Amino acid sequence: MIGMEMDDLILASCHDRWQKVAMVIVKVMEKTGELGERGAEAAIATRIEALADAGRLAAAGDLKDWRHSEIRLAR
């Protein structure tokens, strides 16, 4: 999947409230039909980190630790 397209899916899966990174990854995988595809999680996580670095997502915790970090739409 192309980066911009994935970014749009990630942003569409986020809210104003905090959500676990792992949950957002699963939501995106369900939307793309990639649930269970090897390596898809890592690609989505990489884009989440890029969106957080660009200020489009707010992040709490270590984004590499998907179950213990959270993201939301930047305000």
PDB file of N, CA and C in Angstrom:
ATOM      1  N   MET A   1       0.841  -1.179   0.000  1.00  0.00           N
ATOM      2  CA  MET A   1       0.000   0.000   0.000  1.00  0.00           C
ATOM      3  C   MET A   1       0.885   1.241   0.000  1.00  0.00           C
ATOM      4  N   ILE A   2       0.499   2.227  -0.741  1.00  0.00           N
ATOM      5  CA  ILE A   2       1.252   3.474  -0.865  1.00  0.00           C
ATOM      6  C   ILE A   2       1.169   4.254   0.441  1.00  0.00           C
ATOM      7  N   GLY A   3       2.262   4.926   0.804  1.00  0.00           N
ATOM      8  CA  GLY A   3       2.363   5.636   2.072  1.00  0.00           C
ATOM      9  C   GLY A   3       1.234   6.604   2.354  1.00  0.00           C
ATOM     10  N   MET A   4       0.887   7.459   1.381  1.00  0.00           N
ATOM     11  CA  MET A   4      -0.172   8.455   1.611  1.00  0.00           C
ATOM     12  C   MET A   4      -1.513   7.774   1.839  1.00  0.00           C
ATOM     13  N   GLU A   5      -1.771   6.724   1.103  1.00  0.00           N
ATOM     14  CA  GLU A   5      -3.018   5.984   1.268  1.00  0.00           C
ATOM     15  C   GLU A   5      -3.080   5.358   2.662  1.00  0.00           C
ATOM     16  N   MET A   6      -1.963   4.788   3.105  1.00  0.00           N
ATOM     17  CA  MET A   6      -1.910   4.202   4.433  1.00  0.00           C
ATOM     18  C   MET A   6      -2.071   5.288   5.493  1.00  0.00           C
ATOM     19  N   ASP A   7      -1.430   6.429   5.284  1.00  0.00           N
ATOM     20  CA  ASP A   7      -1.565   7.535   6.232  1.00  0.00           C
ATOM     21  C   ASP A   7      -3.027   7.931   6.394  1.00  0.00           C
ATOM     22  N   ASP A   8      -3.749   8.011   5.294  1.00  0.00           N
ATOM     23  CA  ASP A   8      -5.170   8.365   5.354  1.00  0.00           C
ATOM     24  C   ASP A   8      -5.958   7.338   6.156  1.00  0.00           C
ATOM     25  N   LEU A   9      -5.660   6.052   5.969  1.00  0.00           N
ATOM     26  CA  LEU A   9      -6.354   5.003   6.728  1.00  0.00           C
ATOM     27  C   LEU A   9      -6.021   5.081   8.212  1.00  0.00           C
ATOM     28  N   ILE A  10      -4.770   5.361   8.512  1.00  0.00           N
ATOM     29  CA  ILE A  10      -4.367   5.486   9.918  1.00  0.00           C
ATOM     30  C   ILE A  10      -5.106   6.660  10.564  1.00  0.00           C
ATOM     31  N   LEU A  11      -5.089   7.801   9.904  1.00  0.00           N
ATOM     32  CA  LEU A  11      -5.748   8.983  10.462  1.00  0.00           C
ATOM     33  C   LEU A  11      -7.253   8.773  10.600  1.00  0.00           C
ATOM     34  N   ALA A  12      -7.851   8.054   9.665  1.00  0.00           N
ATOM     35  CA  ALA A  12      -9.286   7.763   9.732  1.00  0.00           C
ATOM     36  C   ALA A  12      -9.605   6.792  10.871  1.00  0.00           C
ATOM     37  N   SER A  13      -8.616   6.025  11.306  1.00  0.00           N
ATOM     38  CA  SER A  13      -8.819   5.054  12.392  1.00  0.00           C
ATOM     39  C   SER A  13      -8.561   5.662  13.760  1.00  0.00           C
ATOM     40  N   CYS A  14      -8.069   6.887  13.797  1.00  0.00           N
ATOM     41  CA  CYS A  14      -7.769   7.563  15.055  1.00  0.00           C
ATOM     42  C   CYS A  14      -8.905   8.498  15.448  1.00  0.00           C
ATOM     43  N   HIS A  15      -8.902   8.882  16.711  1.00  0.00           N
ATOM     44  CA  HIS A  15      -9.934   9.753  17.265  1.00  0.00           C
ATOM     45  C   HIS A  15      -9.290  10.869  18.073  1.00  0.00           C
ATOM     46  N   ASP A  16     -10.107  11.685  18.685  1.00  0.00           N
ATOM     47  CA  ASP A  16      -9.617  12.711  19.600  1.00  0.00           C
ATOM     48  C   ASP A  16      -9.233  12.118  20.952  1.00  0.00           C
ATOM     49  N   ARG A  17      -9.685  10.914  21.212  1.00  0.00           N
ATOM     50  CA  ARG A  17      -9.341  10.256  22.484  1.00  0.00           C
ATOM     51  C   ARG A  17      -8.174   9.293  22.255  1.00  0.00           C
ATOM     52  N   TRP A  18      -7.446   9.014  23.305  1.00  0.00           N
ATOM     53  CA  TRP A  18      -6.286   8.126  23.225  1.00  0.00           C
ATOM     54  C   TRP A  18      -6.712   6.699  22.913  1.00  0.00           C
ATOM     55  N   GLN A  19      -5.949   6.029  22.064  1.00  0.00           N
ATOM     56  CA  GLN A  19      -6.151   4.611  21.745  1.00  0.00           C
ATOM     57  C   GLN A  19      -4.789   3.926  21.722  1.00  0.00           C
ATOM     58  N   LYS A  20      -4.766   2.677  22.080  1.00  0.00           N
ATOM     59  CA  LYS A  20      -3.534   1.898  21.994  1.00  0.00           C
ATOM     60  C   LYS A  20      -3.083   1.824  20.538  1.00  0.00           C
ATOM     61  N   VAL A  21      -1.783   1.909  20.333  1.00  0.00           N
ATOM     62  CA  VAL A  21      -1.227   1.786  18.990  1.00  0.00           C
ATOM     63  C   VAL A  21      -1.613   0.441  18.386  1.00  0.00           C
ATOM     64  N   ALA A  22      -1.584  -0.619  19.187  1.00  0.00           N
ATOM     65  CA  ALA A  22      -1.939  -1.950  18.685  1.00  0.00           C
ATOM     66  C   ALA A  22      -3.359  -1.976  18.129  1.00  0.00           C
ATOM     67  N   MET A  23      -4.279  -1.286  18.772  1.00  0.00           N
ATOM     68  CA  MET A  23      -5.667  -1.257  18.311  1.00  0.00           C
ATOM     69  C   MET A  23      -5.774  -0.551  16.955  1.00  0.00           C
ATOM     70  N   VAL A  24      -5.074   0.552  16.803  1.00  0.00           N
ATOM     71  CA  VAL A  24      -5.108   1.275  15.530  1.00  0.00           C
ATOM     72  C   VAL A  24      -4.506   0.413  14.421  1.00  0.00           C
ATOM     73  N   ILE A  25      -3.432  -0.286  14.720  1.00  0.00           N
ATOM     74  CA  ILE A  25      -2.814  -1.177  13.724  1.00  0.00           C
ATOM     75  C   ILE A  25      -3.817  -2.229  13.267  1.00  0.00           C
ATOM     76  N   VAL A  26      -4.530  -2.843  14.195  1.00  0.00           N
ATOM     77  CA  VAL A  26      -5.519  -3.866  13.846  1.00  0.00           C
ATOM     78  C   VAL A  26      -6.644  -3.258  13.011  1.00  0.00           C
ATOM     79  N   LYS A  27      -7.116  -2.076  13.381  1.00  0.00           N
ATOM     80  CA  LYS A  27      -8.186  -1.421  12.609  1.00  0.00           C
ATOM     81  C   LYS A  27      -7.755  -1.178  11.168  1.00  0.00           C
ATOM     82  N   VAL A  28      -6.530  -0.699  10.977  1.00  0.00           N
ATOM     83  CA  VAL A  28      -6.031  -0.437   9.625  1.00  0.00           C
ATOM     84  C   VAL A  28      -5.898  -1.749   8.854  1.00  0.00           C
ATOM     85  N   MET A  29      -5.393  -2.786   9.509  1.00  0.00           N
ATOM     86  CA  MET A  29      -5.245  -4.087   8.840  1.00  0.00           C
ATOM     87  C   MET A  29      -6.600  -4.651   8.424  1.00  0.00           C
ATOM     88  N   GLU A  30      -7.614  -4.458   9.248  1.00  0.00           N
ATOM     89  CA  GLU A  30      -8.957  -4.912   8.889  1.00  0.00           C
ATOM     90  C   GLU A  30      -9.480  -4.156   7.672  1.00  0.00           C
ATOM     91  N   LYS A  31      -9.240  -2.845   7.627  1.00  0.00           N
ATOM     92  CA  LYS A  31      -9.717  -2.033   6.506  1.00  0.00           C
ATOM     93  C   LYS A  31      -9.025  -2.392   5.196  1.00  0.00           C
ATOM     94  N   THR A  32      -7.767  -2.802   5.282  1.00  0.00           N
ATOM     95  CA  THR A  32      -7.011  -3.112   4.070  1.00  0.00           C
ATOM     96  C   THR A  32      -7.102  -4.581   3.682  1.00  0.00           C
ATOM     97  N   GLY A  33      -7.676  -5.397   4.549  1.00  0.00           N
ATOM     98  CA  GLY A  33      -7.736  -6.831   4.273  1.00  0.00           C
ATOM     99  C   GLY A  33      -6.406  -7.518   4.499  1.00  0.00           C
ATOM    100  N   GLU A  34      -5.498  -6.870   5.230  1.00  0.00           N
ATOM    101  CA  GLU A  34      -4.172  -7.420   5.470  1.00  0.00           C
ATOM    102  C   GLU A  34      -4.054  -8.092   6.830  1.00  0.00           C
ATOM    103  N   LEU A  35      -5.171  -8.310   7.507  1.00  0.00           N
ATOM    104  CA  LEU A  35      -5.122  -8.949   8.812  1.00  0.00           C
ATOM    105  C   LEU A  35      -4.481 -10.321   8.661  1.00  0.00           C
ATOM    106  N   GLY A  36      -3.421 -10.552   9.369  1.00  0.00           N
ATOM    107  CA  GLY A  36      -2.698 -11.822   9.283  1.00  0.00           C
ATOM    108  C   GLY A  36      -1.564 -11.817   8.270  1.00  0.00           C
ATOM    109  N   GLU A  37      -1.436 -10.742   7.487  1.00  0.00           N
ATOM    110  CA  GLU A  37      -0.347 -10.648   6.514  1.00  0.00           C
ATOM    111  C   GLU A  37       0.956 -10.366   7.248  1.00  0.00           C
ATOM    112  N   ARG A  38       1.953 -11.141   6.951  1.00  0.00           N
ATOM    113  CA  ARG A  38       3.254 -10.979   7.603  1.00  0.00           C
ATOM    114  C   ARG A  38       3.884  -9.637   7.209  1.00  0.00           C
ATOM    115  N   GLY A  39       4.320  -8.892   8.181  1.00  0.00           N
ATOM    116  CA  GLY A  39       5.007  -7.632   7.949  1.00  0.00           C
ATOM    117  C   GLY A  39       4.110  -6.414   7.846  1.00  0.00           C
ATOM    118  N   ALA A  40       2.808  -6.622   7.717  1.00  0.00           N
ATOM    119  CA  ALA A  40       1.896  -5.478   7.573  1.00  0.00           C
ATOM    120  C   ALA A  40       1.905  -4.613   8.832  1.00  0.00           C
ATOM    121  N   GLU A  41       1.983  -5.250   9.984  1.00  0.00           N
ATOM    122  CA  GLU A  41       1.963  -4.492  11.243  1.00  0.00           C
ATOM    123  C   GLU A  41       3.133  -3.528  11.323  1.00  0.00           C
ATOM    124  N   ALA A  42       4.303  -4.004  10.953  1.00  0.00           N
ATOM    125  CA  ALA A  42       5.505  -3.173  11.034  1.00  0.00           C
ATOM    126  C   ALA A  42       5.415  -1.975  10.096  1.00  0.00           C
ATOM    127  N   ALA A  43       4.866  -2.188   8.905  1.00  0.00           N
ATOM    128  CA  ALA A  43       4.727  -1.090   7.944  1.00  0.00           C
ATOM    129  C   ALA A  43       3.766  -0.029   8.477  1.00  0.00           C
ATOM    130  N   ILE A  44       2.684  -0.457   9.078  1.00  0.00           N
ATOM    131  CA  ILE A  44       1.707   0.487   9.644  1.00  0.00           C
ATOM    132  C   ILE A  44       2.326   1.222  10.831  1.00  0.00           C
ATOM    133  N   ALA A  45       3.030   0.497  11.682  1.00  0.00           N
ATOM    134  CA  ALA A  45       3.673   1.114  12.846  1.00  0.00           C
ATOM    135  C   ALA A  45       4.699   2.161  12.421  1.00  0.00           C
ATOM    136  N   THR A  46       5.418   1.891  11.359  1.00  0.00           N
ATOM    137  CA  THR A  46       6.398   2.850  10.842  1.00  0.00           C
ATOM    138  C   THR A  46       5.717   4.135  10.394  1.00  0.00           C
ATOM    139  N   ARG A  47       4.569   4.005   9.722  1.00  0.00           N
ATOM    140  CA  ARG A  47       3.824   5.183   9.274  1.00  0.00           C
ATOM    141  C   ARG A  47       3.233   5.931  10.469  1.00  0.00           C
ATOM    142  N   ILE A  48       2.792   5.215  11.512  1.00  0.00           N
ATOM    143  CA  ILE A  48       2.280   5.866  12.719  1.00  0.00           C
ATOM    144  C   ILE A  48       3.379   6.722  13.340  1.00  0.00           C
ATOM    145  N   GLU A  49       4.583   6.176  13.432  1.00  0.00           N
ATOM    146  CA  GLU A  49       5.702   6.941  13.979  1.00  0.00           C
ATOM    147  C   GLU A  49       5.984   8.181  13.141  1.00  0.00           C
ATOM    148  N   ALA A  50       5.927   8.037  11.824  1.00  0.00           N
ATOM    149  CA  ALA A  50       6.176   9.178  10.930  1.00  0.00           C
ATOM    150  C   ALA A  50       5.106  10.257  11.105  1.00  0.00           C
ATOM    151  N   LEU A  51       3.854   9.836  11.254  1.00  0.00           N
ATOM    152  CA  LEU A  51       2.766  10.800  11.464  1.00  0.00           C
ATOM    153  C   LEU A  51       2.917  11.517  12.802  1.00  0.00           C
ATOM    154  N   ALA A  52       3.376  10.799  13.811  1.00  0.00           N
ATOM    155  CA  ALA A  52       3.614  11.422  15.116  1.00  0.00           C
ATOM    156  C   ALA A  52       4.778  12.406  15.019  1.00  0.00           C
ATOM    157  N   ASP A  53       5.842  12.013  14.324  1.00  0.00           N
ATOM    158  CA  ASP A  53       6.997  12.901  14.147  1.00  0.00           C
ATOM    159  C   ASP A  53       6.612  14.162  13.383  1.00  0.00           C
ATOM    160  N   ALA A  54       5.667  14.037  12.453  1.00  0.00           N
ATOM    161  CA  ALA A  54       5.223  15.175  11.644  1.00  0.00           C
ATOM    162  C   ALA A  54       4.194  16.039  12.376  1.00  0.00           C
ATOM    163  N   GLY A  55       3.770  15.611  13.578  1.00  0.00           N
ATOM    164  CA  GLY A  55       2.813  16.390  14.347  1.00  0.00           C
ATOM    165  C   GLY A  55       1.360  16.154  13.976  1.00  0.00           C
ATOM    166  N   ARG A  56       1.090  15.155  13.157  1.00  0.00           N
ATOM    167  CA  ARG A  56      -0.300  14.872  12.773  1.00  0.00           C
ATOM    168  C   ARG A  56      -0.987  13.980  13.793  1.00  0.00           C
ATOM    169  N   LEU A  57      -0.200  13.238  14.580  1.00  0.00           N
ATOM    170  CA  LEU A  57      -0.715  12.424  15.674  1.00  0.00           C
ATOM    171  C   LEU A  57       0.002  12.829  16.953  1.00  0.00           C
ATOM    172  N   ALA A  58      -0.723  12.834  18.052  1.00  0.00           N
ATOM    173  CA  ALA A  58      -0.120  12.997  19.367  1.00  0.00           C
ATOM    174  C   ALA A  58       0.176  11.605  19.896  1.00  0.00           C
ATOM    175  N   ALA A  59       1.301  11.454  20.571  1.00  0.00           N
ATOM    176  CA  ALA A  59       1.707  10.137  21.048  1.00  0.00           C
ATOM    177  C   ALA A  59       2.068  10.194  22.527  1.00  0.00           C
ATOM    178  N   ALA A  60       1.793   9.088  23.203  1.00  0.00           N
ATOM    179  CA  ALA A  60       2.171   8.932  24.604  1.00  0.00           C
ATOM    180  C   ALA A  60       2.842   7.577  24.756  1.00  0.00           C
ATOM    181  N   GLY A  61       4.027   7.573  25.323  1.00  0.00           N
ATOM    182  CA  GLY A  61       4.756   6.326  25.504  1.00  0.00           C
ATOM    183  C   GLY A  61       5.677   6.040  24.318  1.00  0.00           C
ATOM    184  N   ASP A  62       6.325   4.878  24.375  1.00  0.00           N
ATOM    185  CA  ASP A  62       7.249   4.441  23.336  1.00  0.00           C
ATOM    186  C   ASP A  62       6.454   3.788  22.217  1.00  0.00           C
ATOM    187  N   LEU A  63       6.388   4.424  21.060  1.00  0.00           N
ATOM    188  CA  LEU A  63       5.570   3.918  19.959  1.00  0.00           C
ATOM    189  C   LEU A  63       6.016   2.558  19.448  1.00  0.00           C
ATOM    190  N   LYS A  64       7.224   2.146  19.792  1.00  0.00           N
ATOM    191  CA  LYS A  64       7.685   0.816  19.387  1.00  0.00           C
ATOM    192  C   LYS A  64       7.071  -0.281  20.265  1.00  0.00           C
ATOM    193  N   ASP A  65       6.520   0.114  21.392  1.00  0.00           N
ATOM    194  CA  ASP A  65       5.858  -0.815  22.312  1.00  0.00           C
ATOM    195  C   ASP A  65       4.348  -0.643  22.123  1.00  0.00           C
ATOM    196  N   TRP A  66       3.813  -1.280  21.095  1.00  0.00           N
ATOM    197  CA  TRP A  66       2.444  -1.053  20.619  1.00  0.00           C
ATOM    198  C   TRP A  66       1.370  -1.214  21.681  1.00  0.00           C
ATOM    199  N   ARG A  67       1.531  -2.152  22.581  1.00  0.00           N
ATOM    200  CA  ARG A  67       0.490  -2.408  23.581  1.00  0.00           C
ATOM    201  C   ARG A  67       0.529  -1.439  24.750  1.00  0.00           C
ATOM    202  N   HIS A  68       1.634  -0.715  24.867  1.00  0.00           N
ATOM    203  CA  HIS A  68       1.788   0.175  26.018  1.00  0.00           C
ATOM    204  C   HIS A  68       1.993   1.625  25.608  1.00  0.00           C
ATOM    205  N   SER A  69       1.643   1.950  24.382  1.00  0.00           N
ATOM    206  CA  SER A  69       1.706   3.338  23.931  1.00  0.00           C
ATOM    207  C   SER A  69       0.355   3.690  23.297  1.00  0.00           C
ATOM    208  N   GLU A  70       0.088   4.969  23.247  1.00  0.00           N
ATOM    209  CA  GLU A  70      -1.206   5.434  22.745  1.00  0.00           C
ATOM    210  C   GLU A  70      -1.020   6.592  21.788  1.00  0.00           C
ATOM    211  N   ILE A  71      -2.000   6.731  20.895  1.00  0.00           N
ATOM    212  CA  ILE A  71      -2.003   7.839  19.941  1.00  0.00           C
ATOM    213  C   ILE A  71      -3.411   8.407  19.843  1.00  0.00           C
ATOM    214  N   ARG A  72      -3.457   9.644  19.374  1.00  0.00           N
ATOM    215  CA  ARG A  72      -4.731  10.295  19.069  1.00  0.00           C
ATOM    216  C   ARG A  72      -4.436  11.331  17.992  1.00  0.00           C
ATOM    217  N   LEU A  73      -5.488  11.870  17.408  1.00  0.00           N
ATOM    218  CA  LEU A  73      -5.318  12.935  16.435  1.00  0.00           C
ATOM    219  C   LEU A  73      -4.712  14.146  17.144  1.00  0.00           C
ATOM    220  N   ALA A  74      -3.802  14.816  16.488  1.00  0.00           N
ATOM    221  CA  ALA A  74      -3.191  16.013  17.073  1.00  0.00           C
ATOM    222  C   ALA A  74      -4.227  17.122  17.114  1.00  0.00           C
ATOM    223  N   ARG A  75      -4.146  17.934  18.122  1.00  0.00           N
ATOM    224  CA  ARG A  75      -5.110  19.030  18.282  1.00  0.00           C
ATOM    225  C   ARG A  75      -4.556  20.297  17.727  1.00  0.00           C
TER     226      ARG A  75
END
